[in-house]
C-alpha atoms as a PDB file:
ATOM      1  CA  UNK A   1     -51.212  -5.588 -44.197  1.00  0.00           C
ATOM      2  CA  UNK A   2     -48.147  -4.000 -45.706  1.00  0.00           C
ATOM      3  CA  UNK A   3     -45.551  -5.974 -47.664  1.00  0.00           C
ATOM      4  CA  UNK A   4     -42.836  -7.531 -45.553  1.00  0.00           C
ATOM      5  CA  UNK A   5     -39.433  -7.138 -47.153  1.00  0.00           C
ATOM      6  CA  UNK A   6     -35.748  -7.806 -46.562  1.00  0.00           C
ATOM      7  CA  UNK A   7     -35.496  -4.179 -45.456  1.00  0.00           C
ATOM      8  CA  UNK A   8     -37.322  -5.269 -42.291  1.00  0.00           C
ATOM      9  CA  UNK A   9     -34.938  -8.198 -41.791  1.00  0.00           C
ATOM     10  CA  UNK A  10     -31.675  -6.898 -43.257  1.00  0.00           C
ATOM     11  CA  UNK A  11     -29.870  -8.290 -40.248  1.00  0.00           C
ATOM     12  CA  UNK A  12     -30.273 -11.759 -41.794  1.00  0.00           C
ATOM     13  CA  UNK A  13     -28.336 -10.882 -44.955  1.00  0.00           C
ATOM     14  CA  UNK A  14     -24.772 -11.383 -43.771  1.00  0.00           C
ATOM     15  CA  UNK A  15     -23.201 -13.720 -46.357  1.00  0.00           C
ATOM     16  CA  UNK A  16     -21.611 -12.516 -49.594  1.00  0.00           C
ATOM     17  CA  UNK A  17     -23.139 -13.904 -52.752  1.00  0.00           C
ATOM     18  CA  UNK A  18     -20.244 -15.615 -54.502  1.00  0.00           C
ATOM     19  CA  UNK A  19     -20.725 -17.340 -57.831  1.00  0.00           C
ATOM     20  CA  UNK A  20     -23.861 -19.115 -58.940  1.00  0.00           C
ATOM     21  CA  UNK A  21     -26.871 -18.991 -56.634  1.00  0.00           C
ATOM     22  CA  UNK A  22     -28.285 -22.293 -55.413  1.00  0.00           C
ATOM     23  CA  UNK A  23     -31.581 -23.623 -56.750  1.00  0.00           C
ATOM     24  CA  UNK A  24     -34.612 -22.100 -55.047  1.00  0.00           C
ATOM     25  CA  UNK A  25     -32.781 -18.936 -54.006  1.00  0.00           C
ATOM     26  CA  UNK A  26     -35.833 -16.810 -54.902  1.00  0.00           C
ATOM     27  CA  UNK A  27     -38.488 -19.066 -53.373  1.00  0.00           C
ATOM     28  CA  UNK A  28     -41.204 -16.980 -51.723  1.00  0.00           C
ATOM     29  CA  UNK A  29     -40.052 -13.735 -53.385  1.00  0.00           C
ATOM     30  CA  UNK A  30     -42.892 -11.775 -54.982  1.00  0.00           C
ATOM     31  CA  UNK A  31     -40.698  -9.108 -56.574  1.00  0.00           C
ATOM     32  CA  UNK A  32     -37.616  -6.945 -55.967  1.00  0.00           C
ATOM     33  CA  UNK A  33     -37.992  -3.433 -54.595  1.00  0.00           C
ATOM     34  CA  UNK A  34     -35.367  -0.879 -55.613  1.00  0.00           C
ATOM     35  CA  UNK A  35     -34.766   2.120 -53.340  1.00  0.00           C
ATOM     36  CA  UNK A  36     -32.683   4.981 -54.739  1.00  0.00           C
ATOM     37  CA  UNK A  37     -31.256   7.840 -52.651  1.00  0.00           C
ATOM     38  CA  UNK A  38     -29.409  10.801 -54.186  1.00  0.00           C
ATOM     39  CA  UNK A  39     -27.041  12.715 -51.883  1.00  0.00           C
ATOM     40  CA  UNK A  40     -25.176  15.508 -53.635  1.00  0.00           C
ATOM     41  CA  UNK A  41     -23.417  13.910 -56.614  1.00  0.00           C
ATOM     42  CA  UNK A  42     -23.687  10.425 -55.080  1.00  0.00           C
ATOM     43  CA  UNK A  43     -26.430   7.885 -55.802  1.00  0.00           C
ATOM     44  CA  UNK A  44     -27.113   4.978 -53.431  1.00  0.00           C
ATOM     45  CA  UNK A  45     -29.178   1.996 -54.550  1.00  0.00           C
ATOM     46  CA  UNK A  46     -30.592  -0.811 -52.417  1.00  0.00           C
ATOM     47  CA  UNK A  47     -32.439  -3.680 -54.110  1.00  0.00           C
ATOM     48  CA  UNK A  48     -34.171  -6.170 -51.817  1.00  0.00           C
ATOM     49  CA  UNK A  49     -36.870  -8.870 -52.050  1.00  0.00           C
ATOM     50  CA  UNK A  50     -40.517  -8.440 -51.116  1.00  0.00           C
ATOM     51  CA  UNK A  51     -41.668 -11.799 -49.739  1.00  0.00           C
ATOM     52  CA  UNK A  52     -44.984 -13.568 -49.628  1.00  0.00           C
ATOM     53  CA  UNK A  53     -46.685 -13.760 -46.210  1.00  0.00           C
ATOM     54  CA  UNK A  54     -45.291 -17.173 -45.248  1.00  0.00           C
ATOM     55  CA  UNK A  55     -41.657 -16.343 -46.070  1.00  0.00           C
ATOM     56  CA  UNK A  56     -41.898 -12.890 -44.482  1.00  0.00           C
ATOM     57  CA  UNK A  57     -43.287 -14.321 -41.253  1.00  0.00           C
ATOM     58  CA  UNK A  58     -40.495 -16.900 -41.017  1.00  0.00           C
ATOM     59  CA  UNK A  59     -37.819 -14.265 -41.705  1.00  0.00           C
ATOM     60  CA  UNK A  60     -39.241 -11.866 -39.144  1.00  0.00           C
ATOM     61  CA  UNK A  61     -39.306 -14.612 -36.519  1.00  0.00           C
ATOM     62  CA  UNK A  62     -35.692 -15.550 -37.282  1.00  0.00           C
ATOM     63  CA  UNK A  63     -34.571 -11.924 -37.086  1.00  0.00           C
ATOM     64  CA  UNK A  64     -35.968 -11.614 -33.562  1.00  0.00           C
ATOM     65  CA  UNK A  65     -34.135 -14.619 -32.194  1.00  0.00           C
ATOM     66  CA  UNK A  66     -31.481 -14.195 -29.517  1.00  0.00           C
ATOM     67  CA  UNK A  67     -28.561 -15.244 -31.696  1.00  0.00           C
ATOM     68  CA  UNK A  68     -28.980 -12.200 -33.945  1.00  0.00           C
ATOM     69  CA  UNK A  69     -28.440  -9.574 -31.263  1.00  0.00           C
ATOM     70  CA  UNK A  70     -24.785  -9.036 -32.128  1.00  0.00           C
ATOM     71  CA  UNK A  71     -25.640  -8.909 -35.804  1.00  0.00           C
ATOM     72  CA  UNK A  72     -28.275  -6.263 -35.064  1.00  0.00           C
ATOM     73  CA  UNK A  73     -25.718  -4.124 -33.247  1.00  0.00           C
ATOM     74  CA  UNK A  74     -23.430  -4.412 -36.270  1.00  0.00           C
ATOM     75  CA  UNK A  75     -26.311  -3.445 -38.541  1.00  0.00           C
ATOM     76  CA  UNK A  76     -27.059  -0.408 -36.374  1.00  0.00           C
ATOM     77  CA  UNK A  77     -23.424   0.665 -36.812  1.00  0.00           C
ATOM     78  CA  UNK A  78     -23.753   0.336 -40.596  1.00  0.00           C
ATOM     79  CA  UNK A  79     -26.987   2.316 -40.630  1.00  0.00           C
ATOM     80  CA  UNK A  80     -25.419   5.133 -38.576  1.00  0.00           C
ATOM     81  CA  UNK A  81     -22.469   5.220 -40.964  1.00  0.00           C
ATOM     82  CA  UNK A  82     -24.793   5.241 -43.968  1.00  0.00           C
ATOM     83  CA  UNK A  83     -26.873   8.104 -42.605  1.00  0.00           C
ATOM     84  CA  UNK A  84     -23.875  10.249 -41.672  1.00  0.00           C
ATOM     85  CA  UNK A  85     -22.226   9.707 -45.074  1.00  0.00           C
ATOM     86  CA  UNK A  86     -25.357  10.675 -46.971  1.00  0.00           C
ATOM     87  CA  UNK A  87     -25.953  13.794 -44.869  1.00  0.00           C
ATOM     88  CA  UNK A  88     -22.387  14.997 -45.435  1.00  0.00           C
ATOM     89  CA  UNK A  89     -22.424  14.298 -49.177  1.00  0.00           C
ATOM     90  CA  UNK A  90     -25.789  16.041 -49.556  1.00  0.00           C
ATOM     91  CA  UNK A  91     -25.060  19.169 -47.521  1.00  0.00           C
ATOM     92  CA  UNK A  92     -21.341  19.891 -47.876  1.00  0.00           C
ATOM     93  CA  UNK A  93     -18.842  20.274 -50.675  1.00  0.00           C
ATOM     94  CA  UNK A  94     -16.079  22.385 -52.120  1.00  0.00           C
ATOM     95  CA  UNK A  95     -15.553  25.645 -50.232  1.00  0.00           C
ATOM     96  CA  UNK A  96     -16.909  24.359 -46.938  1.00  0.00           C
ATOM     97  CA  UNK A  97     -14.632  24.012 -43.901  1.00  0.00           C
ATOM     98  CA  UNK A  98     -13.296  20.941 -42.067  1.00  0.00           C
ATOM     99  CA  UNK A  99     -11.820  21.614 -38.609  1.00  0.00           C
ATOM    100  CA  UNK A 100     -10.070  19.847 -35.761  1.00  0.00           C
ATOM    101  CA  UNK A 101     -10.441  21.656 -32.415  1.00  0.00           C
ATOM    102  CA  UNK A 102      -8.153  20.755 -29.503  1.00  0.00           C
ATOM    103  CA  UNK A 103      -7.601  22.044 -25.968  1.00  0.00           C
ATOM    104  CA  UNK A 104      -4.235  22.913 -24.367  1.00  0.00           C
ATOM    105  CA  UNK A 105      -2.504  19.901 -22.821  1.00  0.00           C
ATOM    106  CA  UNK A 106      -2.774  21.372 -19.345  1.00  0.00           C
ATOM    107  CA  UNK A 107      -6.469  22.252 -19.648  1.00  0.00           C
ATOM    108  CA  UNK A 108      -9.678  20.878 -20.997  1.00  0.00           C
ATOM    109  CA  UNK A 109     -13.272  20.003 -20.063  1.00  0.00           C
ATOM    110  CA  UNK A 110     -13.795  17.779 -17.048  1.00  0.00           C
ATOM    111  CA  UNK A 111     -16.492  15.702 -18.717  1.00  0.00           C
ATOM    112  CA  UNK A 112     -18.332  15.172 -21.955  1.00  0.00           C
ATOM    113  CA  UNK A 113     -21.191  17.480 -21.009  1.00  0.00           C
ATOM    114  CA  UNK A 114     -18.760  20.412 -20.769  1.00  0.00           C
ATOM    115  CA  UNK A 115     -17.075  19.348 -24.012  1.00  0.00           C
ATOM    116  CA  UNK A 116     -20.474  19.498 -25.704  1.00  0.00           C
ATOM    117  CA  UNK A 117     -21.157  22.955 -24.269  1.00  0.00           C
ATOM    118  CA  UNK A 118     -17.787  24.136 -25.596  1.00  0.00           C
ATOM    119  CA  UNK A 119     -18.392  22.993 -29.172  1.00  0.00           C
ATOM    120  CA  UNK A 120     -21.964  24.307 -29.205  1.00  0.00           C
ATOM    121  CA  UNK A 121     -20.819  27.696 -27.884  1.00  0.00           C
ATOM    122  CA  UNK A 122     -18.089  27.766 -30.530  1.00  0.00           C
ATOM    123  CA  UNK A 123     -20.691  27.205 -33.248  1.00  0.00           C
ATOM    124  CA  UNK A 124     -22.824  29.998 -31.765  1.00  0.00           C
ATOM    125  CA  UNK A 125     -19.854  32.373 -32.048  1.00  0.00           C
ATOM    126  CA  UNK A 126     -19.402  31.373 -35.679  1.00  0.00           C
ATOM    127  CA  UNK A 127     -23.140  31.855 -36.262  1.00  0.00           C
ATOM    128  CA  UNK A 128     -23.030  35.405 -34.858  1.00  0.00           C
ATOM    129  CA  UNK A 129     -20.106  36.272 -37.139  1.00  0.00           C
ATOM    130  CA  UNK A 130     -21.987  34.933 -40.165  1.00  0.00           C
ATOM    131  CA  UNK A 131     -25.090  36.918 -39.214  1.00  0.00           C
ATOM    132  CA  UNK A 132     -23.039  40.128 -39.093  1.00  0.00           C
ATOM    133  CA  UNK A 133     -21.759  39.344 -42.601  1.00  0.00           C
ATOM    134  CA  UNK A 134     -25.249  38.601 -43.927  1.00  0.00           C
ATOM    135  CA  UNK A 135     -24.309  35.009 -44.751  1.00  0.00           C
ATOM    136  CA  UNK A 136     -26.842  32.140 -44.981  1.00  0.00           C
ATOM    137  CA  UNK A 137     -27.621  30.147 -41.809  1.00  0.00           C
ATOM    138  CA  UNK A 138     -24.773  27.918 -40.666  1.00  0.00           C
ATOM    139  CA  UNK A 139     -24.902  24.223 -41.518  1.00  0.00           C
ATOM    140  CA  UNK A 140     -22.662  21.953 -39.476  1.00  0.00           C
ATOM    141  CA  UNK A 141     -21.940  18.474 -38.238  1.00  0.00           C
ATOM    142  CA  UNK A 142     -19.588  17.668 -35.387  1.00  0.00           C
ATOM    143  CA  UNK A 143     -18.126  14.705 -33.535  1.00  0.00           C
ATOM    144  CA  UNK A 144     -16.757  14.744 -29.977  1.00  0.00           C
ATOM    145  CA  UNK A 145     -13.848  12.352 -29.604  1.00  0.00           C
ATOM    146  CA  UNK A 146     -12.698  11.051 -26.241  1.00  0.00           C
ATOM    147  CA  UNK A 147      -9.191   9.693 -25.651  1.00  0.00           C
ATOM    148  CA  UNK A 148      -7.629   8.226 -22.518  1.00  0.00           C
ATOM    149  CA  UNK A 149      -4.004   7.802 -21.452  1.00  0.00           C
ATOM    150  CA  UNK A 150      -2.062   7.364 -18.209  1.00  0.00           C
ATOM    151  CA  UNK A 151      -0.183  10.611 -18.721  1.00  0.00           C
ATOM    152  CA  UNK A 152      -3.087  12.928 -19.567  1.00  0.00           C
ATOM    153  CA  UNK A 153      -6.133  10.990 -18.335  1.00  0.00           C
ATOM    154  CA  UNK A 154      -9.383  11.496 -20.236  1.00  0.00           C
ATOM    155  CA  UNK A 155      -9.261  14.229 -22.845  1.00  0.00           C
ATOM    156  CA  UNK A 156     -11.598  15.523 -25.540  1.00  0.00           C
ATOM    157  CA  UNK A 157     -11.292  17.118 -28.943  1.00  0.00           C
ATOM    158  CA  UNK A 158     -13.719  17.900 -31.752  1.00  0.00           C
ATOM    159  CA  UNK A 159     -14.063  17.290 -35.481  1.00  0.00           C
ATOM    160  CA  UNK A 160     -16.338  19.665 -37.390  1.00  0.00           C
ATOM    161  CA  UNK A 161     -17.522  20.187 -40.942  1.00  0.00           C
ATOM    162  CA  UNK A 162     -19.457  23.383 -41.576  1.00  0.00           C
ATOM    163  CA  UNK A 163     -20.572  25.640 -44.387  1.00  0.00           C
ATOM    164  CA  UNK A 164     -18.013  28.065 -45.773  1.00  0.00           C
ATOM    165  CA  UNK A 165     -18.222  31.823 -46.082  1.00  0.00           C
ATOM    166  CA  UNK A 166     -15.701  32.894 -43.451  1.00  0.00           C
ATOM    167  CA  UNK A 167     -11.957  32.421 -43.773  1.00  0.00           C
ATOM    168  CA  UNK A 168     -10.038  29.540 -42.220  1.00  0.00           C
ATOM    169  CA  UNK A 169      -8.178  32.031 -40.010  1.00  0.00           C
ATOM    170  CA  UNK A 170     -11.435  33.470 -38.663  1.00  0.00           C
ATOM    171  CA  UNK A 171     -12.832  30.001 -37.966  1.00  0.00           C
ATOM    172  CA  UNK A 172      -9.652  29.073 -36.072  1.00  0.00           C
ATOM    173  CA  UNK A 173      -9.579  32.326 -34.103  1.00  0.00           C
ATOM    174  CA  UNK A 174     -13.115  31.762 -32.803  1.00  0.00           C
ATOM    175  CA  UNK A 175     -11.783  28.659 -31.011  1.00  0.00           C
ATOM    176  CA  UNK A 176      -8.256  29.600 -29.948  1.00  0.00           C
ATOM    177  CA  UNK A 177      -9.201  33.022 -28.557  1.00  0.00           C
ATOM    178  CA  UNK A 178     -11.574  31.339 -26.106  1.00  0.00           C
ATOM    179  CA  UNK A 179      -9.854  28.008 -25.364  1.00  0.00           C
ATOM    180  CA  UNK A 180      -6.255  28.331 -26.537  1.00  0.00           C
ATOM    181  CA  UNK A 181      -5.017  24.974 -27.686  1.00  0.00           C
ATOM    182  CA  UNK A 182      -4.951  24.157 -31.374  1.00  0.00           C
ATOM    183  CA  UNK A 183      -7.374  24.572 -34.249  1.00  0.00           C
ATOM    184  CA  UNK A 184      -6.695  23.463 -37.800  1.00  0.00           C
ATOM    185  CA  UNK A 185      -9.170  24.517 -40.489  1.00  0.00           C
ATOM    186  CA  UNK A 186      -8.941  23.463 -44.108  1.00  0.00           C
ATOM    187  CA  UNK A 187     -11.170  23.710 -47.137  1.00  0.00           C
ATOM    188  CA  UNK A 188     -13.134  20.585 -47.985  1.00  0.00           C
ATOM    189  CA  UNK A 189     -11.650  18.938 -51.057  1.00  0.00           C
ATOM    190  CA  UNK A 190     -14.130  16.466 -52.569  1.00  0.00           C
ATOM    191  CA  UNK A 191     -12.849  13.619 -54.729  1.00  0.00           C
ATOM    192  CA  UNK A 192     -14.426  10.894 -56.874  1.00  0.00           C
ATOM    193  CA  UNK A 193     -16.586   9.746 -53.942  1.00  0.00           C
ATOM    194  CA  UNK A 194     -17.259  13.355 -52.923  1.00  0.00           C
ATOM    195  CA  UNK A 195     -16.750  13.553 -49.111  1.00  0.00           C
ATOM    196  CA  UNK A 196     -17.331   9.870 -48.324  1.00  0.00           C
ATOM    197  CA  UNK A 197     -13.741   9.428 -47.142  1.00  0.00           C
ATOM    198  CA  UNK A 198     -14.101  12.167 -44.530  1.00  0.00           C
ATOM    199  CA  UNK A 199     -17.421  10.755 -43.340  1.00  0.00           C
ATOM    200  CA  UNK A 200     -15.903   7.287 -42.870  1.00  0.00           C
ATOM    201  CA  UNK A 201     -12.936   8.806 -41.052  1.00  0.00           C
ATOM    202  CA  UNK A 202     -15.259  10.359 -38.491  1.00  0.00           C
ATOM    203  CA  UNK A 203     -16.621   6.978 -37.413  1.00  0.00           C
ATOM    204  CA  UNK A 204     -13.786   4.562 -38.098  1.00  0.00           C
ATOM    205  CA  UNK A 205     -12.296   2.951 -34.978  1.00  0.00           C
ATOM    206  CA  UNK A 206     -13.341   5.785 -32.723  1.00  0.00           C
ATOM    207  CA  UNK A 207     -14.575   5.441 -29.153  1.00  0.00           C
ATOM    208  CA  UNK A 208     -16.485   7.945 -27.073  1.00  0.00           C
ATOM    209  CA  UNK A 209     -18.036   9.776 -30.001  1.00  0.00           C
ATOM    210  CA  UNK A 210     -21.512  10.960 -29.139  1.00  0.00           C
ATOM    211  CA  UNK A 211     -24.481  12.930 -30.335  1.00  0.00           C
ATOM    212  CA  UNK A 212     -27.081  15.092 -28.673  1.00  0.00           C
ATOM    213  CA  UNK A 213     -30.270  13.242 -29.545  1.00  0.00           C
ATOM    214  CA  UNK A 214     -32.801  16.035 -30.101  1.00  0.00           C
ATOM    215  CA  UNK A 215     -31.125  19.338 -29.265  1.00  0.00           C
ATOM    216  CA  UNK A 216     -33.349  19.877 -26.213  1.00  0.00           C
ATOM    217  CA  UNK A 217     -31.488  18.253 -23.342  1.00  0.00           C
ATOM    218  CA  UNK A 218     -27.805  17.571 -24.099  1.00  0.00           C
ATOM    219  CA  UNK A 219     -26.962  16.927 -20.432  1.00  0.00           C
ATOM    220  CA  UNK A 220     -29.447  14.069 -20.195  1.00  0.00           C
ATOM    221  CA  UNK A 221     -28.816  12.563 -23.617  1.00  0.00           C
ATOM    222  CA  UNK A 222     -25.133  13.311 -24.069  1.00  0.00           C
ATOM    223  CA  UNK A 223     -24.052   9.682 -24.255  1.00  0.00           C
ATOM    224  CA  UNK A 224     -26.685   8.374 -26.620  1.00  0.00           C
ATOM    225  CA  UNK A 225     -25.325   8.797 -30.151  1.00  0.00           C
ATOM    226  CA  UNK A 226     -22.177   9.355 -32.184  1.00  0.00           C
ATOM    227  CA  UNK A 227     -22.537  12.719 -33.856  1.00  0.00           C
ATOM    228  CA  UNK A 228     -24.576  15.900 -33.905  1.00  0.00           C
ATOM    229  CA  UNK A 229     -25.702  18.211 -36.682  1.00  0.00           C
ATOM    230  CA  UNK A 230     -27.657  21.403 -37.285  1.00  0.00           C
ATOM    231  CA  UNK A 231     -31.378  21.065 -37.844  1.00  0.00           C
ATOM    232  CA  UNK A 232     -31.275  22.802 -41.230  1.00  0.00           C
ATOM    233  CA  UNK A 233     -29.497  19.960 -43.039  1.00  0.00           C
ATOM    234  CA  UNK A 234     -31.307  18.442 -46.006  1.00  0.00           C
ATOM    235  CA  UNK A 235     -32.046  14.765 -45.423  1.00  0.00           C
ATOM    236  CA  UNK A 236     -31.579  12.869 -48.721  1.00  0.00           C
ATOM    237  CA  UNK A 237     -33.524   9.884 -47.392  1.00  0.00           C
ATOM    238  CA  UNK A 238     -36.669  12.021 -47.426  1.00  0.00           C
ATOM    239  CA  UNK A 239     -36.371  12.214 -51.234  1.00  0.00           C
ATOM    240  CA  UNK A 240     -35.782   8.490 -51.703  1.00  0.00           C
ATOM    241  CA  UNK A 241     -37.666   6.847 -54.561  1.00  0.00           C
ATOM    242  CA  UNK A 242     -38.839   3.241 -54.752  1.00  0.00           C
ATOM    243  CA  UNK A 243     -39.696   1.084 -57.758  1.00  0.00           C
ATOM    244  CA  UNK A 244     -40.925  -2.493 -57.869  1.00  0.00           C
ATOM    245  CA  UNK A 245     -40.193  -3.147 -61.563  1.00  0.00           C
ATOM    246  CA  UNK A 246     -36.844  -1.452 -62.108  1.00  0.00           C
ATOM    247  CA  UNK A 247     -34.897  -4.629 -61.267  1.00  0.00           C
ATOM    248  CA  UNK A 248     -36.667  -7.951 -61.689  1.00  0.00           C
ATOM    249  CA  UNK A 249     -36.053 -10.994 -59.490  1.00  0.00           C
ATOM    250  CA  UNK A 250     -34.252 -12.654 -62.376  1.00  0.00           C
ATOM    251  CA  UNK A 251     -32.039  -9.617 -63.030  1.00  0.00           C
ATOM    252  CA  UNK A 252     -31.248  -9.311 -59.315  1.00  0.00           C
ATOM    253  CA  UNK A 253     -30.007 -12.920 -59.378  1.00  0.00           C
ATOM    254  CA  UNK A 254     -27.897 -12.199 -62.454  1.00  0.00           C
ATOM    255  CA  UNK A 255     -26.349  -9.156 -60.777  1.00  0.00           C
ATOM    256  CA  UNK A 256     -25.584 -11.166 -57.618  1.00  0.00           C
ATOM    257  CA  UNK A 257     -23.924 -13.908 -59.646  1.00  0.00           C
ATOM    258  CA  UNK A 258     -21.729 -11.441 -61.566  1.00  0.00           C
ATOM    259  CA  UNK A 259     -20.917  -9.032 -58.741  1.00  0.00           C
ATOM    260  CA  UNK A 260     -17.357 -10.393 -58.454  1.00  0.00           C
ATOM    261  CA  UNK A 261     -16.893  -9.491 -62.119  1.00  0.00           C
ATOM    262  CA  UNK A 262     -17.047  -5.740 -61.574  1.00  0.00           C
ATOM    263  CA  UNK A 263     -16.996  -4.890 -65.281  1.00  0.00           C
ATOM    264  CA  UNK A 264     -20.071  -7.050 -65.903  1.00  0.00           C
ATOM    265  CA  UNK A 265     -21.906  -5.654 -62.881  1.00  0.00           C
ATOM    266  CA  UNK A 266     -20.922  -2.158 -64.036  1.00  0.00           C
ATOM    267  CA  UNK A 267     -22.403  -2.810 -67.467  1.00  0.00           C
ATOM    268  CA  UNK A 268     -25.723  -3.955 -65.990  1.00  0.00           C
ATOM    269  CA  UNK A 269     -26.036  -1.116 -63.489  1.00  0.00           C
ATOM    270  CA  UNK A 270     -25.041   1.651 -65.852  1.00  0.00           C
ATOM    271  CA  UNK A 271     -27.801   0.540 -68.206  1.00  0.00           C
ATOM    272  CA  UNK A 272     -30.232   0.867 -65.309  1.00  0.00           C
ATOM    273  CA  UNK A 273     -28.765   4.262 -64.317  1.00  0.00           C
ATOM    274  CA  UNK A 274     -27.443   5.665 -67.645  1.00  0.00           C
ATOM    275  CA  UNK A 275     -26.315   8.998 -66.200  1.00  0.00           C
ATOM    276  CA  UNK A 276     -24.243   7.365 -63.448  1.00  0.00           C
ATOM    277  CA  UNK A 277     -20.914   5.626 -62.996  1.00  0.00           C
ATOM    278  CA  UNK A 278     -20.823   2.561 -60.747  1.00  0.00           C
ATOM    279  CA  UNK A 279     -18.193   2.867 -58.006  1.00  0.00           C
ATOM    280  CA  UNK A 280     -18.966  -0.039 -55.665  1.00  0.00           C
ATOM    281  CA  UNK A 281     -21.422  -2.911 -55.447  1.00  0.00           C
ATOM    282  CA  UNK A 282     -22.120  -5.727 -52.974  1.00  0.00           C
ATOM    283  CA  UNK A 283     -24.617  -8.576 -53.031  1.00  0.00           C
ATOM    284  CA  UNK A 284     -25.554 -10.531 -49.925  1.00  0.00           C
ATOM    285  CA  UNK A 285     -27.649 -13.595 -49.259  1.00  0.00           C
ATOM    286  CA  UNK A 286     -28.974 -15.117 -46.066  1.00  0.00           C
ATOM    287  CA  UNK A 287     -28.466 -18.467 -44.372  1.00  0.00           C
ATOM    288  CA  UNK A 288     -31.963 -18.219 -42.889  1.00  0.00           C
ATOM    289  CA  UNK A 289     -34.202 -16.968 -45.687  1.00  0.00           C
ATOM    290  CA  UNK A 290     -34.400 -16.575 -49.464  1.00  0.00           C
ATOM    291  CA  UNK A 291     -33.524 -13.787 -51.878  1.00  0.00           C
ATOM    292  CA  UNK A 292     -30.570 -11.454 -52.355  1.00  0.00           C
ATOM    293  CA  UNK A 293     -29.876  -7.953 -51.062  1.00  0.00           C
ATOM    294  CA  UNK A 294     -27.905  -5.717 -53.446  1.00  0.00           C
ATOM    295  CA  UNK A 295     -26.292  -2.390 -52.518  1.00  0.00           C
ATOM    296  CA  UNK A 296     -24.599  -0.116 -55.043  1.00  0.00           C
ATOM    297  CA  UNK A 297     -22.837   3.233 -54.857  1.00  0.00           C
ATOM    298  CA  UNK A 298     -22.759   5.399 -57.986  1.00  0.00           C
ATOM    299  CA  UNK A 299     -21.807   8.931 -58.968  1.00  0.00           C
ATOM    300  CA  UNK A 300     -23.691  11.116 -61.394  1.00  0.00           C
ATOM    301  CA  UNK A 301     -21.722  11.721 -64.591  1.00  0.00           C
ATOM    302  CA  UNK A 302     -23.110  15.229 -64.988  1.00  0.00           C
ATOM    303  CA  UNK A 303     -21.420  16.219 -61.729  1.00  0.00           C
ATOM    304  CA  UNK A 304     -17.710  16.191 -62.528  1.00  0.00           C
ATOM    305  CA  UNK A 305     -15.358  15.274 -59.653  1.00  0.00           C
ATOM    306  CA  UNK A 306     -13.514  18.393 -58.465  1.00  0.00           C
ATOM    307  CA  UNK A 307      -9.786  18.755 -58.824  1.00  0.00           C
ATOM    308  CA  UNK A 308      -9.403  19.600 -62.506  1.00  0.00           C
ATOM    309  CA  UNK A 309     -10.254  23.260 -62.890  1.00  0.00           C
ATOM    310  CA  UNK A 310     -11.469  24.546 -66.238  1.00  0.00           C
ATOM    311  CA  UNK A 311      -9.723  27.510 -67.827  1.00  0.00           C
ATOM    312  CA  UNK A 312     -12.739  29.747 -67.333  1.00  0.00           C
ATOM    313  CA  UNK A 313     -13.137  28.909 -63.657  1.00  0.00           C
ATOM    314  CA  UNK A 314     -12.211  31.581 -61.151  1.00  0.00           C
ATOM    315  CA  UNK A 315      -8.906  31.077 -59.406  1.00  0.00           C
ATOM    316  CA  UNK A 316      -9.257  29.370 -56.066  1.00  0.00           C
ATOM    317  CA  UNK A 317      -7.494  30.346 -52.875  1.00  0.00           C
ATOM    318  CA  UNK A 318      -4.770  27.785 -52.050  1.00  0.00           C
ATOM    319  CA  UNK A 319      -5.775  25.365 -49.272  1.00  0.00           C
ATOM    320  CA  UNK A 320      -3.672  23.984 -46.493  1.00  0.00           C
ATOM    321  CA  UNK A 321      -3.322  20.244 -46.774  1.00  0.00           C
ATOM    322  CA  UNK A 322      -2.541  19.227 -43.216  1.00  0.00           C
ATOM    323  CA  UNK A 323      -4.545  16.184 -42.221  1.00  0.00           C
ATOM    324  CA  UNK A 324      -6.971  16.401 -39.326  1.00  0.00           C
END
């Protein structure tokens, strides 16, 4: 029987750990498991308890109860956001292209299925251009956004991030020549959190964003998920490492108790990950079970944030800065 951990019952950890933990907070915890995922220059750490059989069984039973359904939906949202952010940070960076593709006001697809065909055909046109140039296979991720208003009814537009190699003008022309409307392409400009800000923008407060589930039947599965991506993206979760002795139960409690003091938490974490800078950390506990669940976001120090160009670097082509 495999170890049951808080990763199986993360839905229960919904309360911030603030100040000193109550007595018995680690009851039933065998050890802490630390999972580390590297995505581009970003490092994501999750530290969660592995319980004994009795505690794990009680937590699993609690997680299945009716009252946690809404919490599970919220957790699913967080997991989708986490996966999208890591895929973007792993596969895209400086020199890649971010685009917004819009239709003319008087025209546009009648439904989401047609909107999906339009964006997929656009990416095929870009792929053919890249093949003629001898460029590597196209990597991309896109989101279809649906908006509704009394004046224009239901309308669609697209947000895309894709690998560079062609000019912004060429990328725009591949859309406007076919559909008219508006296309704004700009070079990706990573910052201290790489492209996390763009990834969060794609999912924040948006309705009607969907994903083709498996690339085989978009008409049938068009409404299932939020975003779509090429199959040649590297999945950073497949390289995740786990360790059961990196952070002890005692140290996990100390981190949770000092998480509000960012400088202290930073000191602890940067000793554990000496080549990284801590950017964000949260610690959560549960009202239904024991232990703490710690999440941290770091950036590798050997990967300097872009923006400050060295003297020996080649001159970069100026980028347009219009927001999508």
